[in-house]
Amino acid sequence: MDRFQAMQVFTRVVEANSFTAAADSLGLPRTTVTTAIQNLERRLQVRLLNRTTRKLSLTPDGAAFYERCTSILADLEEAETSFRDVAGRPQGRLRVDVPASIGRLILIPSLCEFHTRYPDVELVIGMGDRPVDLVQEGVDCVIRVGDLPDSSMVARRIGTFRSVTCAAPDYLERHGEPRTLDDLKKHHAVHYFSSRTGRTIDWDFVVDGVATEVKMQGVVSVNDGDAYVACGLQGFGLIQPPRYMVHPYLESGELREVLRQWSPRAMPISAVYLHNRHLSPKVRAFVDWTAELFGRCPLLSGRDEEFDAAAYGECRFAAWPGRNTVRQVAEKQNMAESLF
């Protein structure tokens, strides 16, 4: 087995997190895959993988070598593709990780469009809000909400997350409508906690250009976007969901916006990938497509000041809790809404 083949076997073992799964996907005997890794470690004189009966994990040397391998193999794929008849058309297996609601309500409903445009790309979509080690888990790209820590990864902003403070009319009739931030001391909120950290997310408002955090009291906490909105509709307290997620309820009067003069801080939505993947046609195609997907609607692109009844015809959402479909009327195709 030559060096390029050994590198391909190694990267597939890392991405599959299994010798057996890697062997099956490559159409090779498991013993051949095991021998290839052993020979590779012998040639490099380092251990690349920690092996236990339950799982595999990269050693520090293995992580560094994996990153170099993916870069070299991506360059090789790029070079070969440029000379094929497809002239650089994106192709191959692309593994991405996204928050569950983005995957379920934004990406999945529009996958037919992506597949029509890029028929040779096999998408593998993981959904959750836990931290993902792109190298260790063999993930090509992740979509994340919020400020990102400095790192060697590349982040491209593809949208904007804007929240709204609101509550069910029944709750406001029972507890009164808050007129100032100080009034919030007398109110309850539905809490949203991160399944990644277990921490309840504090509320925030922009006051005179400065972000101000507010701790709220409450009687219920959830870690799912649909459940969060449902609790608000049931009158459990004030909520701060994405504006685009609850726009139909605000229009129908099932939810009422409060404290309009102090909007919560807007947060970026970003596509994040390793620096050595920036030339990969399939990664570039996916990131461009998701940016286009978010850019179609003012409520997702940060142009919400342009939002009006006419714009709503081009960015209509209908799959809130209790609804059955997600439909973008102007494009006649599915789109999105929840972003927790």
Foldseek 3Di string as FASTA:
>chain_A
DDPLVLLVLLLLCLQVQHLVVSCVVVVHDSVVSVVSQVVVCVVVVHRQWDDDPPTIWGDPVNLVVNVVSVLVVLVVVQVVCCPDPVNRQAADEAEEEEAAQCVVAFCVQCVVVVCVRRVRYHYHYHHHDADDDCSRNVHFKYKDKFDDDDDQKDKDFQWKFWWFKKAFPVLCVVQNADADPVSQASWAAAWAAGPHPRDTDFFWWQDPNDIDTDHHHFDHYYHDQLVRVVCRLVNRTMYIFGCQQCVVCCVVRSMDTGPVVITTDMITIIMIGHPSCPPRSNVVSVRVVSSVQQVQACSTHVVCVPDDPVSCQQQPAFPHVVGDAGAGRVVRTGRHHGHD
